Amino acid sequence: WYRQAPGKQRDLVAYINSDGSANYADSVKGRFTISRDNVKKTVYLQ
């Protein structure tokens, strides 16, 4: 998951690997949760 604020570059804020392990940018750690459903082919960001 990436985000782009007005006038700023697009930044990666969270990612989830194929094995389900996840990583977060420091600015969102503890507040954002990434998950995936491989059956639904969908990735979520809480």
All heavy atoms as atom14 arrays in JSON, in Angstrom:
{
  "sequence": "WYRQAPGKQRDLVAYINSDGSANYADSVKGRFTISRDNVKKTVYLQ",
  "atom14_mask": [
    [1, 1, 1, 1, 1, 1, 1, 1, 1, 1, 1, 1, 1, 1],
    [1, 1, 1, 1, 1, 1, 1, 1, 1, 1, 1, 1, 0, 0],
    [1, 1, 1, 1, 1, 1, 1, 1, 1, 1, 1, 0, 0, 0],
    [1, 1, 1, 1, 1, 1, 1, 1, 1, 0, 0, 0, 0, 0],
    [1, 1, 1, 1, 1, 0, 0, 0, 0, 0, 0, 0, 0, 0],
    [1, 1, 1, 1, 1, 1, 1, 0, 0, 0, 0, 0, 0, 0],
    [1, 1, 1, 1, 0, 0, 0, 0, 0, 0, 0, 0, 0, 0],
    [1, 1, 1, 1, 1, 1, 1, 1, 1, 0, 0, 0, 0, 0],
    [1, 1, 1, 1, 1, 1, 1, 1, 1, 0, 0, 0, 0, 0],
    [1, 1, 1, 1, 1, 1, 1, 1, 1, 1, 1, 0, 0, 0],
    [1, 1, 1, 1, 1, 1, 1, 1, 0, 0, 0, 0, 0, 0],
    [1, 1, 1, 1, 1, 1, 1, 1, 0, 0, 0, 0, 0, 0],
    [1, 1, 1, 1, 1, 1, 1, 0, 0, 0, 0, 0, 0, 0],
    [1, 1, 1, 1, 1, 0, 0, 0, 0, 0, 0, 0, 0, 0],
    [1, 1, 1, 1, 1, 1, 1, 1, 1, 1, 1, 1, 0, 0],
    [1, 1, 1, 1, 1, 1, 1, 1, 0, 0, 0, 0, 0, 0],
    [1, 1, 1, 1, 1, 1, 1, 1, 0, 0, 0, 0, 0, 0],
    [1, 1, 1, 1, 1, 1, 0, 0, 0, 0, 0, 0, 0, 0],
    [1, 1, 1, 1, 1, 1, 1, 1, 0, 0, 0, 0, 0, 0],
    [1, 1, 1, 1, 0, 0, 0, 0, 0, 0, 0, 0, 0, 0],
    [1, 1, 1, 1, 1, 1, 0, 0, 0, 0, 0, 0, 0, 0],
    [1, 1, 1, 1, 1, 0, 0, 0, 0, 0, 0, 0, 0, 0],
    [1, 1, 1, 1, 1, 1, 1, 1, 0, 0, 0, 0, 0, 0],
    [1, 1, 1, 1, 1, 1, 1, 1, 1, 1, 1, 1, 0, 0],
    [1, 1, 1, 1, 1, 0, 0, 0, 0, 0, 0, 0, 0, 0],
    [1, 1, 1, 1, 1, 1, 1, 1, 0, 0, 0, 0, 0, 0],
    [1, 1, 1, 1, 1, 1, 0, 0, 0, 0, 0, 0, 0, 0],
    [1, 1, 1, 1, 1, 1, 1, 0, 0, 0, 0, 0, 0, 0],
    [1, 1, 1, 1, 1, 1, 1, 1, 1, 0, 0, 0, 0, 0],
    [1, 1, 1, 1, 0, 0, 0, 0, 0, 0, 0, 0, 0, 0],
    [1, 1, 1, 1, 1, 1, 1, 1, 1, 1, 1, 0, 0, 0],
    [1, 1, 1, 1, 1, 1, 1, 1, 1, 1, 1, 0, 0, 0],
    [1, 1, 1, 1, 1, 1, 1, 0, 0, 0, 0, 0, 0, 0],
    [1, 1, 1, 1, 1, 1, 1, 1, 0, 0, 0, 0, 0, 0],
    [1, 1, 1, 1, 1, 1, 0, 0, 0, 0, 0, 0, 0, 0],
    [1, 1, 1, 1, 1, 1, 1, 1, 1, 1, 1, 0, 0, 0],
    [1, 1, 1, 1, 1, 1, 1, 1, 0, 0, 0, 0, 0, 0],
    [1, 1, 1, 1, 1, 1, 1, 1, 0, 0, 0, 0, 0, 0],
    [1, 1, 1, 1, 1, 1, 1, 0, 0, 0, 0, 0, 0, 0],
    [1, 1, 1, 1, 1, 1, 1, 1, 1, 0, 0, 0, 0, 0],
    [1, 1, 1, 1, 1, 1, 1, 1, 1, 0, 0, 0, 0, 0],
    [1, 1, 1, 1, 1, 1, 1, 0, 0, 0, 0, 0, 0, 0],
    [1, 1, 1, 1, 1, 1, 1, 0, 0, 0, 0, 0, 0, 0],
    [1, 1, 1, 1, 1, 1, 1, 1, 1, 1, 1, 1, 0, 0],
    [1, 1, 1, 1, 1, 1, 1, 1, 0, 0, 0, 0, 0, 0],
    [1, 1, 1, 1, 1, 1, 1, 1, 1, 0, 0, 0, 0, 0]
  ],
  "atom14_positions": [
    [[0.86, -1.18, 0.0], [0.0, 0.0, 0.0], [0.9, 1.24, 0.0], [1.85, 1.32, 0.79], [-0.92, 0.03, 1.22], [-2.14, -0.81, 1.08], [-2.35, -2.07, 1.57], [-3.34, -0.45, 0.4], [-3.6, -2.51, 1.23], [-4.24, -1.53, 0.52], [-3.77, 0.69, -0.29], [-5.51, -1.51, -0.03], [-5.03, 0.71, -0.83], [-5.9, -0.38, -0.7]],
    [[0.56, 2.17, -0.87], [1.29, 3.4, -1.02], [0.33, 4.55, -0.8], [-0.88, 4.4, -0.93], [1.86, 3.51, -2.44], [2.75, 2.37, -2.87], [2.21, 1.12, -3.2], [4.12, 2.54, -2.98], [3.03, 0.07, -3.6], [4.94, 1.5, -3.39], [4.39, 0.27, -3.7], [5.2, -0.76, -4.1], [0.0, 0.0, 0.0], [0.0, 0.0, 0.0]],
    [[0.89, 5.72, -0.52], [0.04, 6.9, -0.43], [0.76, 8.1, -1.0], [2.0, 8.18, -0.96], [-0.43, 7.17, 0.99], [0.65, 7.61, 1.95], [0.07, 7.76, 3.36], [1.07, 8.2, 4.33], [0.85, 8.28, 5.64], [-0.35, 7.93, 6.14], [1.8, 8.69, 6.45], [0.0, 0.0, 0.0], [0.0, 0.0, 0.0], [0.0, 0.0, 0.0]],
    [[-0.04, 9.0, -1.52], [0.51, 10.23, -2.1], [-0.33, 11.4, -1.65], [-1.51, 11.5, -1.99], [0.53, 10.14, -3.63], [1.23, 11.3, -4.29], [1.48, 11.07, -5.77], [0.81, 10.25, -6.41], [2.45, 11.77, -6.33], [0.0, 0.0, 0.0], [0.0, 0.0, 0.0], [0.0, 0.0, 0.0], [0.0, 0.0, 0.0], [0.0, 0.0, 0.0]],
    [[0.29, 12.25, -0.87], [-0.36, 13.47, -0.41], [-0.16, 14.55, -1.46], [0.78, 14.48, -2.27], [0.22, 13.9, 0.92], [0.0, 0.0, 0.0], [0.0, 0.0, 0.0], [0.0, 0.0, 0.0], [0.0, 0.0, 0.0], [0.0, 0.0, 0.0], [0.0, 0.0, 0.0], [0.0, 0.0, 0.0], [0.0, 0.0, 0.0], [0.0, 0.0, 0.0]],
    [[-1.0, 15.58, -1.47], [-0.87, 16.64, -2.47], [0.52, 17.26, -2.46], [1.03, 17.63, -1.4], [-1.94, 17.64, -2.04], [-2.95, 16.83, -1.32], [-2.18, 15.76, -0.61], [0.0, 0.0, 0.0], [0.0, 0.0, 0.0], [0.0, 0.0, 0.0], [0.0, 0.0, 0.0], [0.0, 0.0, 0.0], [0.0, 0.0, 0.0], [0.0, 0.0, 0.0]],
    [[1.13, 17.34, -3.63], [2.43, 17.95, -3.75], [3.59, 17.12, -3.27], [4.73, 17.61, -3.24], [0.0, 0.0, 0.0], [0.0, 0.0, 0.0], [0.0, 0.0, 0.0], [0.0, 0.0, 0.0], [0.0, 0.0, 0.0], [0.0, 0.0, 0.0], [0.0, 0.0, 0.0], [0.0, 0.0, 0.0], [0.0, 0.0, 0.0], [0.0, 0.0, 0.0]],
    [[3.33, 15.87, -2.92], [4.39, 15.02, -2.4], [4.53, 13.76, -3.26], [3.67, 13.44, -4.05], [4.11, 14.63, -0.94], [4.1, 15.83, 0.0], [4.04, 15.38, 1.45], [4.13, 16.57, 2.39], [4.1, 16.16, 3.81], [0.0, 0.0, 0.0], [0.0, 0.0, 0.0], [0.0, 0.0, 0.0], [0.0, 0.0, 0.0], [0.0, 0.0, 0.0]],
    [[5.61, 13.06, -3.06], [5.83, 11.84, -3.82], [5.0, 10.72, -3.24], [4.5, 10.79, -2.12], [7.3, 11.46, -3.79], [7.82, 11.06, -2.41], [9.3, 10.7, -2.43], [10.04, 11.06, -3.34], [9.76, 9.97, -1.43], [0.0, 0.0, 0.0], [0.0, 0.0, 0.0], [0.0, 0.0, 0.0], [0.0, 0.0, 0.0], [0.0, 0.0, 0.0]],
    [[4.84, 9.67, -4.03], [4.13, 8.48, -3.58], [5.08, 7.65, -2.73], [6.19, 7.32, -3.17], [3.65, 7.69, -4.78], [2.8, 6.49, -4.44], [2.37, 5.79, -5.72], [1.37, 6.58, -6.44], [1.34, 6.69, -7.78], [2.27, 6.11, -8.52], [0.39, 7.39, -8.36], [0.0, 0.0, 0.0], [0.0, 0.0, 0.0], [0.0, 0.0, 0.0]],
    [[4.65, 7.28, -1.53], [5.48, 6.54, -0.59], [4.84, 5.2, -0.24], [3.62, 5.11, -0.1], [5.68, 7.33, 0.7], [6.53, 8.56, 0.5], [7.47, 8.52, -0.31], [6.24, 9.58, 1.17], [0.0, 0.0, 0.0], [0.0, 0.0, 0.0], [0.0, 0.0, 0.0], [0.0, 0.0, 0.0], [0.0, 0.0, 0.0], [0.0, 0.0, 0.0]],
    [[5.67, 4.22, -0.04], [5.22, 2.91, 0.43], [5.0, 3.0, 1.94], [5.91, 3.38, 2.67], [6.27, 1.85, 0.1], [6.0, 0.43, 0.56], [4.79, -0.15, -0.16], [7.23, -0.45, 0.31], [0.0, 0.0, 0.0], [0.0, 0.0, 0.0], [0.0, 0.0, 0.0], [0.0, 0.0, 0.0], [0.0, 0.0, 0.0], [0.0, 0.0, 0.0]],
    [[3.81, 2.64, 2.41], [3.53, 2.71, 3.84], [3.42, 1.34, 4.5], [3.63, 1.21, 5.7], [2.25, 3.52, 4.13], [2.43, 4.97, 3.72], [1.03, 2.92, 3.45], [0.0, 0.0, 0.0], [0.0, 0.0, 0.0], [0.0, 0.0, 0.0], [0.0, 0.0, 0.0], [0.0, 0.0, 0.0], [0.0, 0.0, 0.0], [0.0, 0.0, 0.0]],
    [[3.1, 0.32, 3.72], [3.0, -1.02, 4.28], [3.09, -2.03, 3.15], [2.65, -1.75, 2.03], [1.68, -1.21, 5.02], [0.0, 0.0, 0.0], [0.0, 0.0, 0.0], [0.0, 0.0, 0.0], [0.0, 0.0, 0.0], [0.0, 0.0, 0.0], [0.0, 0.0, 0.0], [0.0, 0.0, 0.0], [0.0, 0.0, 0.0], [0.0, 0.0, 0.0]],
    [[3.68, -3.19, 3.47], [3.67, -4.24, 2.46], [3.55, -5.6, 3.14], [3.91, -5.76, 4.32], [4.88, -4.19, 1.53], [6.23, -4.46, 2.15], [6.73, -5.77, 2.22], [7.02, -3.43, 2.63], [7.97, -6.02, 2.76], [8.27, -3.68, 3.17], [8.75, -4.96, 3.22], [9.99, -5.22, 3.75], [0.0, 0.0, 0.0], [0.0, 0.0, 0.0]],
    [[3.04, -6.54, 2.37], [2.87, -7.9, 2.87], [3.46, -8.84, 1.83], [3.15, -8.76, 0.64], [1.38, -8.19, 3.17], [1.23, -9.56, 3.81], [0.49, -8.04, 1.94], [-0.15, -9.76, 4.46], [0.0, 0.0, 0.0], [0.0, 0.0, 0.0], [0.0, 0.0, 0.0], [0.0, 0.0, 0.0], [0.0, 0.0, 0.0], [0.0, 0.0, 0.0]],
    [[4.3, -9.72, 2.31], [4.94, -10.67, 1.42], [4.0, -11.83, 1.08], [2.94, -11.98, 1.69], [6.22, -11.19, 2.06], [7.25, -10.09, 2.24], [7.58, -9.39, 1.29], [7.77, -9.94, 3.44], [0.0, 0.0, 0.0], [0.0, 0.0, 0.0], [0.0, 0.0, 0.0], [0.0, 0.0, 0.0], [0.0, 0.0, 0.0], [0.0, 0.0, 0.0]],
    [[4.43, -12.65, 0.15], [3.59, -13.78, -0.24], [3.4, -14.77, 0.92], [2.38, -15.48, 0.95], [4.2, -14.5, -1.45], [5.51, -14.94, -1.17], [0.0, 0.0, 0.0], [0.0, 0.0, 0.0], [0.0, 0.0, 0.0], [0.0, 0.0, 0.0], [0.0, 0.0, 0.0], [0.0, 0.0, 0.0], [0.0, 0.0, 0.0], [0.0, 0.0, 0.0]],
    [[4.32, -14.77, 1.86], [4.18, -15.68, 3.01], [3.35, -15.07, 4.15], [3.19, -15.69, 5.19], [5.56, -16.1, 3.54], [6.35, -14.93, 4.11], [5.85, -13.8, 4.13], [7.5, -15.16, 4.54], [0.0, 0.0, 0.0], [0.0, 0.0, 0.0], [0.0, 0.0, 0.0], [0.0, 0.0, 0.0], [0.0, 0.0, 0.0], [0.0, 0.0, 0.0]],
    [[2.86, -13.86, 3.92], [2.01, -13.21, 4.92], [2.74, -12.31, 5.9], [2.1, -11.61, 6.69], [0.0, 0.0, 0.0], [0.0, 0.0, 0.0], [0.0, 0.0, 0.0], [0.0, 0.0, 0.0], [0.0, 0.0, 0.0], [0.0, 0.0, 0.0], [0.0, 0.0, 0.0], [0.0, 0.0, 0.0], [0.0, 0.0, 0.0], [0.0, 0.0, 0.0]],
    [[4.05, -12.29, 5.85], [4.79, -11.4, 6.73], [4.62, -9.95, 6.26], [4.53, -9.7, 5.06], [6.27, -11.78, 6.78], [6.83, -11.74, 5.47], [0.0, 0.0, 0.0], [0.0, 0.0, 0.0], [0.0, 0.0, 0.0], [0.0, 0.0, 0.0], [0.0, 0.0, 0.0], [0.0, 0.0, 0.0], [0.0, 0.0, 0.0], [0.0, 0.0, 0.0]],
    [[4.57, -9.04, 7.22], [4.24, -7.64, 6.89], [5.29, -6.69, 7.46], [5.97, -6.99, 8.45], [2.88, -7.29, 7.44], [0.0, 0.0, 0.0], [0.0, 0.0, 0.0], [0.0, 0.0, 0.0], [0.0, 0.0, 0.0], [0.0, 0.0, 0.0], [0.0, 0.0, 0.0], [0.0, 0.0, 0.0], [0.0, 0.0, 0.0], [0.0, 0.0, 0.0]],
    [[5.4, -5.54, 6.82], [6.29, -4.49, 7.28], [5.61, -3.13, 7.09], [4.77, -2.97, 6.19], [7.61, -4.51, 6.5], [8.49, -5.65, 6.94], [9.23, -5.55, 7.91], [8.41, -6.77, 6.24], [0.0, 0.0, 0.0], [0.0, 0.0, 0.0], [0.0, 0.0, 0.0], [0.0, 0.0, 0.0], [0.0, 0.0, 0.0], [0.0, 0.0, 0.0]],
    [[6.02, -2.17, 7.93], [5.36, -0.87, 7.93], [6.37, 0.26, 7.99], [7.44, 0.13, 8.59], [4.43, -0.76, 9.14], [3.38, -1.84, 9.2], [3.63, -3.03, 9.86], [2.15, -1.66, 8.56], [2.67, -4.04, 9.89], [1.19, -2.66, 8.59], [1.46, -3.84, 9.24], [0.51, -4.83, 9.27], [0.0, 0.0, 0.0], [0.0, 0.0, 0.0]],
    [[5.99, 1.37, 7.38], [6.78, 2.58, 7.57], [6.66, 3.02, 9.02], [5.63, 2.8, 9.67], [6.27, 3.68, 6.64], [0.0, 0.0, 0.0], [0.0, 0.0, 0.0], [0.0, 0.0, 0.0], [0.0, 0.0, 0.0], [0.0, 0.0, 0.0], [0.0, 0.0, 0.0], [0.0, 0.0, 0.0], [0.0, 0.0, 0.0], [0.0, 0.0, 0.0]],
    [[7.7, 3.66, 9.53], [7.7, 4.09, 10.93], [6.51, 5.01, 11.23], [5.96, 4.97, 12.33], [9.01, 4.8, 11.26], [10.18, 3.84, 11.35], [9.95, 2.62, 11.47], [11.33, 4.31, 11.29], [0.0, 0.0, 0.0], [0.0, 0.0, 0.0], [0.0, 0.0, 0.0], [0.0, 0.0, 0.0], [0.0, 0.0, 0.0], [0.0, 0.0, 0.0]],
    [[6.12, 5.8, 10.25], [5.06, 6.79, 10.48], [3.69, 6.16, 10.71], [2.79, 6.82, 11.22], [5.0, 7.76, 9.31], [4.74, 7.07, 8.1], [0.0, 0.0, 0.0], [0.0, 0.0, 0.0], [0.0, 0.0, 0.0], [0.0, 0.0, 0.0], [0.0, 0.0, 0.0], [0.0, 0.0, 0.0], [0.0, 0.0, 0.0], [0.0, 0.0, 0.0]],
    [[3.54, 4.9, 10.34], [2.22, 4.26, 10.46], [2.25, 3.04, 11.37], [1.2, 2.45, 11.64], [1.67, 3.87, 9.08], [1.68, 5.06, 8.13], [2.43, 2.69, 8.47], [0.0, 0.0, 0.0], [0.0, 0.0, 0.0], [0.0, 0.0, 0.0], [0.0, 0.0, 0.0], [0.0, 0.0, 0.0], [0.0, 0.0, 0.0], [0.0, 0.0, 0.0]],
    [[3.42, 2.68, 11.82], [3.55, 1.47, 12.63], [2.68, 1.57, 13.88], [2.66, 2.6, 14.55], [5.02, 1.28, 13.01], [5.41, -0.13, 13.35], [6.93, -0.25, 13.44], [7.61, -0.1, 12.1], [9.07, -0.31, 12.17], [0.0, 0.0, 0.0], [0.0, 0.0, 0.0], [0.0, 0.0, 0.0], [0.0, 0.0, 0.0], [0.0, 0.0, 0.0]],
    [[1.93, 0.51, 14.15], [1.05, 0.5, 15.31], [-0.34, 1.0, 15.02], [-1.25, 0.82, 15.83], [0.0, 0.0, 0.0], [0.0, 0.0, 0.0], [0.0, 0.0, 0.0], [0.0, 0.0, 0.0], [0.0, 0.0, 0.0], [0.0, 0.0, 0.0], [0.0, 0.0, 0.0], [0.0, 0.0, 0.0], [0.0, 0.0, 0.0], [0.0, 0.0, 0.0]],
    [[-0.54, 1.65, 13.87], [-1.86, 2.18, 13.51], [-2.42, 1.53, 12.25], [-3.63, 1.47, 12.08], [-1.79, 3.69, 13.28], [-1.33, 4.48, 14.49], [-1.45, 5.98, 14.25], [-0.64, 6.44, 13.14], [-1.14, 6.99, 12.03], [-2.44, 7.14, 11.88], [-0.33, 7.41, 11.07], [0.0, 0.0, 0.0], [0.0, 0.0, 0.0], [0.0, 0.0, 0.0]],
    [[-1.55, 1.08, 11.37], [-1.96, 0.45, 10.11], [-1.72, -1.05, 10.21], [-0.71, -1.49, 10.76], [-1.15, 1.0, 8.93], [-1.49, 2.41, 8.52], [-2.11, 3.3, 9.37], [-1.18, 2.83, 7.23], [-2.4, 4.59, 8.97], [-1.47, 4.12, 6.8], [-2.08, 5.0, 7.68], [0.0, 0.0, 0.0], [0.0, 0.0, 0.0], [0.0, 0.0, 0.0]],
    [[-2.63, -1.81, 9.63], [-2.47, -3.26, 9.56], [-2.8, -3.72, 8.15], [-3.91, -3.5, 7.66], [-3.39, -3.97, 10.56], [-3.15, -3.48, 11.87], [-3.13, -5.48, 10.52], [0.0, 0.0, 0.0], [0.0, 0.0, 0.0], [0.0, 0.0, 0.0], [0.0, 0.0, 0.0], [0.0, 0.0, 0.0], [0.0, 0.0, 0.0], [0.0, 0.0, 0.0]],
    [[-1.83, -4.35, 7.52], [-2.05, -4.87, 6.17], [-2.34, -6.36, 6.26], [-1.78, -7.07, 7.1], [-0.82, -4.59, 5.27], [-1.11, -4.92, 3.81], [0.42, -5.32, 5.78], [-0.02, -4.46, 2.84], [0.0, 0.0, 0.0], [0.0, 0.0, 0.0], [0.0, 0.0, 0.0], [0.0, 0.0, 0.0], [0.0, 0.0, 0.0], [0.0, 0.0, 0.0]],
    [[-3.22, -6.82, 5.41], [-3.55, -8.24, 5.37], [-3.95, -8.61, 3.94], [-4.15, -7.72, 3.1], [-4.68, -8.58, 6.35], [-5.86, -7.86, 6.02], [0.0, 0.0, 0.0], [0.0, 0.0, 0.0], [0.0, 0.0, 0.0], [0.0, 0.0, 0.0], [0.0, 0.0, 0.0], [0.0, 0.0, 0.0], [0.0, 0.0, 0.0], [0.0, 0.0, 0.0]],
    [[-4.05, -9.89, 3.7], [-4.4, -10.33, 2.36], [-5.29, -11.56, 2.42], [-5.21, -12.35, 3.37], [-3.14, -10.62, 1.53], [-2.3, -11.78, 2.02], [-0.96, -11.84, 1.27], [-1.16, -12.06, -0.15], [-0.24, -11.77, -1.07], [0.93, -11.24, -0.72], [-0.48, -12.0, -2.37], [0.0, 0.0, 0.0], [0.0, 0.0, 0.0], [0.0, 0.0, 0.0]],
    [[-6.11, -11.72, 1.4], [-6.95, -12.89, 1.23], [-6.66, -13.42, -0.16], [-7.1, -12.84, -1.16], [-8.43, -12.51, 1.39], [-9.36, -13.71, 1.33], [-9.06, -14.68, 0.61], [-10.41, -13.66, 1.98], [0.0, 0.0, 0.0], [0.0, 0.0, 0.0], [0.0, 0.0, 0.0], [0.0, 0.0, 0.0], [0.0, 0.0, 0.0], [0.0, 0.0, 0.0]],
    [[-5.9, -14.5, -0.23], [-5.48, -15.01, -1.53], [-6.63, -15.65, -2.3], [-6.56, -15.74, -3.54], [-4.34, -16.02, -1.36], [-3.06, -15.36, -0.93], [-2.83, -14.17, -1.21], [-2.2, -16.09, -0.26], [0.0, 0.0, 0.0], [0.0, 0.0, 0.0], [0.0, 0.0, 0.0], [0.0, 0.0, 0.0], [0.0, 0.0, 0.0], [0.0, 0.0, 0.0]],
    [[-7.66, -16.09, -1.61], [-8.82, -16.65, -2.3], [-9.58, -15.52, -3.0], [-9.99, -15.66, -4.16], [-9.73, -17.42, -1.33], [-11.0, -17.87, -2.02], [-8.98, -18.6, -0.73], [0.0, 0.0, 0.0], [0.0, 0.0, 0.0], [0.0, 0.0, 0.0], [0.0, 0.0, 0.0], [0.0, 0.0, 0.0], [0.0, 0.0, 0.0], [0.0, 0.0, 0.0]],
    [[-9.78, -14.43, -2.29], [-10.49, -13.29, -2.86], [-9.58, -12.4, -3.7], [-10.06, -11.44, -4.33], [-11.13, -12.46, -1.75], [-12.23, -13.19, -1.0], [-12.86, -12.29, 0.05], [-13.99, -13.01, 0.76], [-14.63, -12.15, 1.81], [0.0, 0.0, 0.0], [0.0, 0.0, 0.0], [0.0, 0.0, 0.0], [0.0, 0.0, 0.0], [0.0, 0.0, 0.0]],
    [[-8.28, -12.71, -3.7], [-7.32, -11.89, -4.45], [-7.43, -10.42, -4.04], [-7.52, -9.51, -4.9], [-7.5, -12.06, -5.96], [-7.27, -13.47, -6.45], [-7.38, -13.55, -7.96], [-7.13, -14.96, -8.46], [-7.21, -15.06, -9.94], [0.0, 0.0, 0.0], [0.0, 0.0, 0.0], [0.0, 0.0, 0.0], [0.0, 0.0, 0.0], [0.0, 0.0, 0.0]],
    [[-7.44, -10.2, -2.76], [-7.63, -8.86, -2.22], [-6.62, -8.61, -1.12], [-6.33, -9.48, -0.31], [-9.06, -8.7, -1.68], [-9.98, -8.91, -2.75], [-9.27, -7.29, -1.13], [0.0, 0.0, 0.0], [0.0, 0.0, 0.0], [0.0, 0.0, 0.0], [0.0, 0.0, 0.0], [0.0, 0.0, 0.0], [0.0, 0.0, 0.0], [0.0, 0.0, 0.0]],
    [[-6.09, -7.39, -1.1], [-5.24, -6.95, -0.01], [-5.95, -5.81, 0.7], [-6.59, -4.97, 0.06], [-3.83, -6.56, -0.51], [-3.88, -5.44, -1.53], [-2.92, -6.21, 0.64], [0.0, 0.0, 0.0], [0.0, 0.0, 0.0], [0.0, 0.0, 0.0], [0.0, 0.0, 0.0], [0.0, 0.0, 0.0], [0.0, 0.0, 0.0], [0.0, 0.0, 0.0]],
    [[-5.85, -5.8, 2.02], [-6.56, -4.83, 2.85], [-5.57, -3.95, 3.62], [-4.44, -4.36, 3.89], [-7.45, -5.55, 3.86], [-8.44, -6.49, 3.24], [-8.19, -7.86, 3.16], [-9.66, -6.02, 2.72], [-9.1, -8.73, 2.59], [-10.57, -6.89, 2.15], [-10.28, -8.23, 2.09], [-11.2, -9.1, 1.52], [0.0, 0.0, 0.0], [0.0, 0.0, 0.0]],
    [[-6.03, -2.79, 3.98], [-5.27, -1.92, 4.88], [-6.24, -1.37, 5.91], [-7.1, -0.56, 5.59], [-4.59, -0.79, 4.12], [-3.63, 0.04, 4.96], [-2.4, -0.8, 5.35], [-3.18, 1.3, 4.21], [0.0, 0.0, 0.0], [0.0, 0.0, 0.0], [0.0, 0.0, 0.0], [0.0, 0.0, 0.0], [0.0, 0.0, 0.0], [0.0, 0.0, 0.0]],
    [[-6.1, -1.85, 7.12], [-6.88, -1.32, 8.25], [-6.13, -0.14, 8.82], [-4.95, -0.27, 9.19], [-7.06, -2.4, 9.31], [-7.79, -1.93, 10.55], [-9.25, -1.61, 10.3], [-9.93, -2.3, 9.54], [-9.76, -0.58, 10.96], [0.0, 0.0, 0.0], [0.0, 0.0, 0.0], [0.0, 0.0, 0.0], [0.0, 0.0, 0.0], [0.0, 0.0, 0.0]]
  ]
}
